Amino acid sequence: MKAKRFYSFALACLMFAISQQLFENYILWFGFRDRSVSELDFAEHTLANCFVWFSIAMGVWFLSLGLLSFRVEIKKQLMCACILFLFAAAISIALDLYFRSYMMDSSGG
């Protein structure tokens, strides 16, 4: 088995694991029992929701690249997909830090 096939399947598993972890931490237990949320929690929830869907889409893309690697060379596509994911992750982290710098959280007065 070529290393590129292994990398694409491993990256697909990583994308699905990232989306599962974000879902459990930021989406599944969203808000208090009375459904009130802070401004920061709402912004992080929306950002996490978008990034979960992006991670799932990237996981499907890496799976398709792994299956495509049996027939054609995928080196450029794999590198571009990795750079795209790292770029999107950096933007998400920067947005989260920006949100935390000015939005009210639920920590109290």
N, C-alpha and C. Protein backbone atom coordinates (compact mmCIF):
# COMPACT_ATOMS: atom_id res chain seq x y z
N MET A 1 0.85 -1.19 0.00
CA MET A 1 0.00 0.00 0.00
C MET A 1 0.89 1.25 0.00
N LYS A 2 0.59 2.15 -0.87
CA LYS A 2 1.37 3.38 -0.95
C LYS A 2 1.14 4.24 0.28
N ALA A 3 2.14 5.04 0.58
CA ALA A 3 2.03 5.91 1.75
C ALA A 3 0.96 6.97 1.55
N LYS A 4 0.77 7.44 0.32
CA LYS A 4 -0.24 8.47 0.06
C LYS A 4 -1.64 7.96 0.36
N ARG A 5 -1.88 6.70 0.08
CA ARG A 5 -3.19 6.11 0.41
C ARG A 5 -3.38 6.09 1.92
N PHE A 6 -2.32 5.67 2.60
CA PHE A 6 -2.40 5.62 4.06
C PHE A 6 -2.63 7.00 4.63
N TYR A 7 -1.91 8.00 4.13
CA TYR A 7 -2.07 9.37 4.61
C TYR A 7 -3.48 9.89 4.39
N SER A 8 -4.04 9.66 3.24
CA SER A 8 -5.37 10.18 2.97
C SER A 8 -6.43 9.50 3.84
N PHE A 9 -6.31 8.20 4.06
CA PHE A 9 -7.27 7.52 4.92
C PHE A 9 -7.07 7.92 6.39
N ALA A 10 -5.82 8.10 6.80
CA ALA A 10 -5.55 8.55 8.17
C ALA A 10 -6.06 9.97 8.39
N LEU A 11 -5.89 10.83 7.40
CA LEU A 11 -6.40 12.20 7.51
C LEU A 11 -7.93 12.21 7.53
N ALA A 12 -8.55 11.31 6.79
CA ALA A 12 -10.02 11.23 6.83
C ALA A 12 -10.49 10.83 8.22
N CYS A 13 -9.82 9.85 8.82
CA CYS A 13 -10.17 9.46 10.20
C CYS A 13 -9.95 10.62 11.17
N LEU A 14 -8.87 11.37 10.97
CA LEU A 14 -8.59 12.52 11.82
C LEU A 14 -9.68 13.59 11.68
N MET A 15 -10.13 13.84 10.45
CA MET A 15 -11.19 14.83 10.24
C MET A 15 -12.48 14.42 10.95
N PHE A 16 -12.83 13.14 10.86
CA PHE A 16 -14.04 12.67 11.53
C PHE A 16 -13.89 12.71 13.04
N ALA A 17 -12.68 12.45 13.55
CA ALA A 17 -12.44 12.54 14.99
C ALA A 17 -12.52 13.99 15.47
N ILE A 18 -11.98 14.91 14.69
CA ILE A 18 -12.06 16.33 15.05
C ILE A 18 -13.51 16.79 15.07
N SER A 19 -14.28 16.40 14.07
CA SER A 19 -15.69 16.82 14.04
C SER A 19 -16.47 16.21 15.21
N GLN A 20 -16.17 14.97 15.57
CA GLN A 20 -16.85 14.35 16.71
C GLN A 20 -16.50 15.06 18.01
N GLN A 21 -15.23 15.39 18.19
CA GLN A 21 -14.79 16.07 19.41
C GLN A 21 -15.42 17.47 19.53
N LEU A 22 -15.43 18.21 18.44
CA LEU A 22 -16.05 19.54 18.46
C LEU A 22 -17.55 19.44 18.71
N PHE A 23 -18.19 18.43 18.14
CA PHE A 23 -19.62 18.24 18.35
C PHE A 23 -19.91 17.98 19.82
N GLU A 24 -19.10 17.11 20.44
CA GLU A 24 -19.33 16.79 21.85
C GLU A 24 -19.05 17.98 22.77
N ASN A 25 -18.05 18.78 22.45
CA ASN A 25 -17.66 19.87 23.35
C ASN A 25 -18.46 21.14 23.16
N TYR A 26 -18.83 21.49 21.95
CA TYR A 26 -19.42 22.80 21.69
C TYR A 26 -20.87 22.77 21.22
N ILE A 27 -21.34 21.66 20.70
CA ILE A 27 -22.68 21.65 20.12
C ILE A 27 -23.66 20.82 20.94
N LEU A 28 -23.24 19.67 21.42
CA LEU A 28 -24.15 18.76 22.11
C LEU A 28 -24.68 19.35 23.41
N TRP A 29 -23.83 19.95 24.21
CA TRP A 29 -24.24 20.50 25.49
C TRP A 29 -24.29 22.02 25.43
N PHE A 30 -25.02 22.55 24.49
CA PHE A 30 -25.08 23.99 24.26
C PHE A 30 -26.11 24.64 25.16
N GLY A 31 -25.73 25.68 25.88
CA GLY A 31 -26.65 26.47 26.67
C GLY A 31 -26.95 25.87 28.03
N PHE A 32 -27.68 26.65 28.83
CA PHE A 32 -28.12 26.20 30.13
C PHE A 32 -29.46 25.50 29.99
N ARG A 33 -29.98 24.99 31.10
CA ARG A 33 -31.27 24.30 31.03
C ARG A 33 -32.41 25.24 30.65
N ASP A 34 -32.29 26.50 31.02
CA ASP A 34 -33.35 27.45 30.68
C ASP A 34 -33.16 28.06 29.29
N ARG A 35 -32.25 27.52 28.50
CA ARG A 35 -31.97 27.91 27.11
C ARG A 35 -31.35 29.30 26.99
N SER A 36 -30.85 29.86 28.08
CA SER A 36 -30.17 31.15 27.96
C SER A 36 -28.69 30.90 27.71
N VAL A 37 -28.13 31.66 26.80
CA VAL A 37 -26.72 31.53 26.46
C VAL A 37 -26.10 32.92 26.41
N SER A 38 -24.82 32.95 26.63
CA SER A 38 -24.13 34.24 26.54
C SER A 38 -23.81 34.54 25.08
N GLU A 39 -23.39 35.75 24.87
CA GLU A 39 -23.05 36.19 23.52
C GLU A 39 -21.87 35.37 22.97
N LEU A 40 -20.88 35.12 23.83
CA LEU A 40 -19.71 34.36 23.42
C LEU A 40 -20.07 32.90 23.13
N ASP A 41 -20.91 32.31 23.98
CA ASP A 41 -21.32 30.93 23.75
C ASP A 41 -22.06 30.77 22.42
N PHE A 42 -22.91 31.72 22.09
CA PHE A 42 -23.64 31.65 20.84
C PHE A 42 -22.70 31.77 19.64
N ALA A 43 -21.72 32.68 19.73
CA ALA A 43 -20.76 32.85 18.63
C ALA A 43 -19.88 31.61 18.48
N GLU A 44 -19.42 31.03 19.61
CA GLU A 44 -18.60 29.82 19.54
C GLU A 44 -19.39 28.64 19.02
N HIS A 45 -20.68 28.58 19.38
CA HIS A 45 -21.54 27.50 18.89
C HIS A 45 -21.68 27.57 17.37
N THR A 46 -21.90 28.75 16.85
CA THR A 46 -22.03 28.92 15.40
C THR A 46 -20.72 28.60 14.69
N LEU A 47 -19.62 29.07 15.24
CA LEU A 47 -18.31 28.80 14.65
C LEU A 47 -17.99 27.30 14.70
N ALA A 48 -18.29 26.65 15.81
CA ALA A 48 -18.04 25.21 15.92
C ALA A 48 -18.93 24.43 14.97
N ASN A 49 -20.16 24.87 14.81
CA ASN A 49 -21.08 24.19 13.90
C ASN A 49 -20.55 24.26 12.46
N CYS A 50 -20.10 25.43 12.06
CA CYS A 50 -19.53 25.58 10.71
C CYS A 50 -18.27 24.74 10.54
N PHE A 51 -17.41 24.72 11.56
CA PHE A 51 -16.17 23.97 11.44
C PHE A 51 -16.41 22.47 11.48
N VAL A 52 -17.43 22.02 12.21
CA VAL A 52 -17.78 20.59 12.21
C VAL A 52 -18.19 20.16 10.81
N TRP A 53 -19.04 20.94 10.17
CA TRP A 53 -19.47 20.59 8.81
C TRP A 53 -18.31 20.65 7.83
N PHE A 54 -17.42 21.62 8.01
CA PHE A 54 -16.24 21.71 7.16
C PHE A 54 -15.33 20.49 7.37
N SER A 55 -15.16 20.05 8.62
CA SER A 55 -14.33 18.88 8.90
C SER A 55 -14.93 17.61 8.31
N ILE A 56 -16.24 17.50 8.36
CA ILE A 56 -16.89 16.33 7.76
C ILE A 56 -16.69 16.34 6.24
N ALA A 57 -16.85 17.52 5.63
CA ALA A 57 -16.64 17.62 4.19
C ALA A 57 -15.19 17.29 3.82
N MET A 58 -14.25 17.76 4.62
CA MET A 58 -12.84 17.44 4.36
C MET A 58 -12.57 15.96 4.56
N GLY A 59 -13.22 15.35 5.55
CA GLY A 59 -13.07 13.91 5.75
C GLY A 59 -13.57 13.11 4.56
N VAL A 60 -14.70 13.51 4.01
CA VAL A 60 -15.23 12.85 2.81
C VAL A 60 -14.28 13.07 1.63
N TRP A 61 -13.72 14.29 1.53
CA TRP A 61 -12.78 14.58 0.45
C TRP A 61 -11.52 13.72 0.59
N PHE A 62 -10.99 13.57 1.81
CA PHE A 62 -9.81 12.73 2.01
C PHE A 62 -10.12 11.26 1.72
N LEU A 63 -11.32 10.81 2.06
CA LEU A 63 -11.72 9.43 1.71
C LEU A 63 -11.77 9.25 0.20
N SER A 64 -12.34 10.22 -0.48
CA SER A 64 -12.40 10.09 -1.94
C SER A 64 -11.01 10.17 -2.57
N LEU A 65 -10.13 10.97 -2.00
CA LEU A 65 -8.75 10.99 -2.49
C LEU A 65 -8.06 9.65 -2.25
N GLY A 66 -8.33 9.04 -1.12
CA GLY A 66 -7.76 7.72 -0.84
C GLY A 66 -8.23 6.68 -1.83
N LEU A 67 -9.50 6.72 -2.17
CA LEU A 67 -10.02 5.76 -3.15
C LEU A 67 -9.52 6.09 -4.55
N LEU A 68 -9.35 7.37 -4.84
CA LEU A 68 -8.85 7.79 -6.15
C LEU A 68 -7.37 7.45 -6.32
N SER A 69 -6.66 7.32 -5.21
CA SER A 69 -5.22 7.07 -5.28
C SER A 69 -4.89 5.70 -5.85
N PHE A 70 -5.86 4.81 -5.92
CA PHE A 70 -5.60 3.51 -6.52
C PHE A 70 -5.42 3.62 -8.03
N ARG A 71 -5.92 4.73 -8.63
CA ARG A 71 -5.84 4.88 -10.09
C ARG A 71 -4.93 6.01 -10.56
N VAL A 72 -4.89 7.11 -9.84
CA VAL A 72 -4.11 8.27 -10.29
C VAL A 72 -3.23 8.80 -9.16
N GLU A 73 -2.35 9.69 -9.51
CA GLU A 73 -1.47 10.35 -8.54
C GLU A 73 -2.25 11.46 -7.83
N ILE A 74 -2.17 11.50 -6.49
CA ILE A 74 -2.97 12.47 -5.73
C ILE A 74 -2.09 13.39 -4.89
N LYS A 75 -0.82 13.46 -5.18
CA LYS A 75 0.10 14.21 -4.34
C LYS A 75 -0.29 15.69 -4.23
N LYS A 76 -0.58 16.33 -5.36
CA LYS A 76 -0.93 17.76 -5.35
C LYS A 76 -2.27 18.00 -4.66
N GLN A 77 -3.25 17.16 -4.93
CA GLN A 77 -4.57 17.32 -4.33
C GLN A 77 -4.51 17.13 -2.82
N LEU A 78 -3.70 16.16 -2.39
CA LEU A 78 -3.56 15.91 -0.96
C LEU A 78 -2.89 17.09 -0.26
N MET A 79 -1.86 17.64 -0.88
CA MET A 79 -1.17 18.79 -0.29
C MET A 79 -2.08 20.02 -0.26
N CYS A 80 -2.82 20.26 -1.32
CA CYS A 80 -3.75 21.40 -1.35
C CYS A 80 -4.86 21.26 -0.31
N ALA A 81 -5.37 20.05 -0.14
CA ALA A 81 -6.42 19.82 0.85
C ALA A 81 -5.89 20.02 2.27
N CYS A 82 -4.67 19.59 2.53
CA CYS A 82 -4.07 19.80 3.85
C CYS A 82 -3.85 21.28 4.12
N ILE A 83 -3.37 22.01 3.14
CA ILE A 83 -3.15 23.45 3.30
C ILE A 83 -4.48 24.16 3.51
N LEU A 84 -5.52 23.77 2.77
CA LEU A 84 -6.84 24.36 2.94
C LEU A 84 -7.37 24.14 4.35
N PHE A 85 -7.22 22.92 4.86
CA PHE A 85 -7.70 22.64 6.21
C PHE A 85 -6.93 23.43 7.25
N LEU A 86 -5.61 23.50 7.12
CA LEU A 86 -4.81 24.27 8.08
C LEU A 86 -5.17 25.76 8.03
N PHE A 87 -5.43 26.27 6.84
CA PHE A 87 -5.84 27.67 6.67
C PHE A 87 -7.19 27.91 7.35
N ALA A 88 -8.14 27.01 7.14
CA ALA A 88 -9.46 27.16 7.76
C ALA A 88 -9.38 27.02 9.28
N ALA A 89 -8.53 26.13 9.77
CA ALA A 89 -8.36 25.98 11.21
C ALA A 89 -7.74 27.23 11.82
N ALA A 90 -6.76 27.81 11.14
CA ALA A 90 -6.13 29.04 11.64
C ALA A 90 -7.13 30.18 11.67
N ILE A 91 -7.97 30.29 10.65
CA ILE A 91 -8.99 31.34 10.63
C ILE A 91 -10.00 31.12 11.76
N SER A 92 -10.39 29.87 12.00
CA SER A 92 -11.35 29.59 13.07
C SER A 92 -10.77 29.92 14.44
N ILE A 93 -9.51 29.59 14.64
CA ILE A 93 -8.87 29.92 15.93
C ILE A 93 -8.76 31.44 16.09
N ALA A 94 -8.39 32.13 15.02
CA ALA A 94 -8.29 33.58 15.10
C ALA A 94 -9.65 34.22 15.38
N LEU A 95 -10.70 33.72 14.74
CA LEU A 95 -12.05 34.23 15.01
C LEU A 95 -12.46 33.98 16.44
N ASP A 96 -12.16 32.80 16.98
CA ASP A 96 -12.51 32.49 18.35
C ASP A 96 -11.77 33.41 19.32
N LEU A 97 -10.50 33.66 19.08
CA LEU A 97 -9.75 34.59 19.93
C LEU A 97 -10.30 36.00 19.82
N TYR A 98 -10.70 36.40 18.64
CA TYR A 98 -11.31 37.71 18.45
C TYR A 98 -12.63 37.81 19.20
N PHE A 99 -13.46 36.76 19.12
CA PHE A 99 -14.72 36.75 19.84
C PHE A 99 -14.48 36.85 21.35
N ARG A 100 -13.49 36.12 21.85
CA ARG A 100 -13.21 36.13 23.28
C ARG A 100 -12.67 37.47 23.76
N SER A 101 -12.12 38.26 22.86
CA SER A 101 -11.54 39.53 23.27
C SER A 101 -12.58 40.62 23.55
N TYR A 102 -13.76 40.51 22.95
CA TYR A 102 -14.72 41.59 23.16
C TYR A 102 -16.12 41.15 23.56
N MET A 103 -16.45 39.88 23.48
CA MET A 103 -17.82 39.45 23.80
C MET A 103 -17.95 39.07 25.27
N MET A 104 -19.15 39.25 25.79
CA MET A 104 -19.43 38.88 27.16
C MET A 104 -19.59 37.36 27.27
N ASP A 105 -18.92 36.79 28.26
CA ASP A 105 -19.09 35.36 28.47
C ASP A 105 -19.97 35.12 29.68
N SER A 106 -20.13 33.86 30.06
CA SER A 106 -21.05 33.51 31.15
C SER A 106 -20.33 33.33 32.47
N SER A 107 -19.17 33.97 32.64
CA SER A 107 -18.40 33.78 33.88
C SER A 107 -18.89 34.66 35.01
N GLY A 108 -19.73 35.60 34.74
CA GLY A 108 -20.28 36.44 35.81
C GLY A 108 -19.53 37.76 35.92
N GLY A 109 -19.90 38.55 36.90
CA GLY A 109 -19.38 39.90 37.07
C GLY A 109 -18.02 39.94 37.63
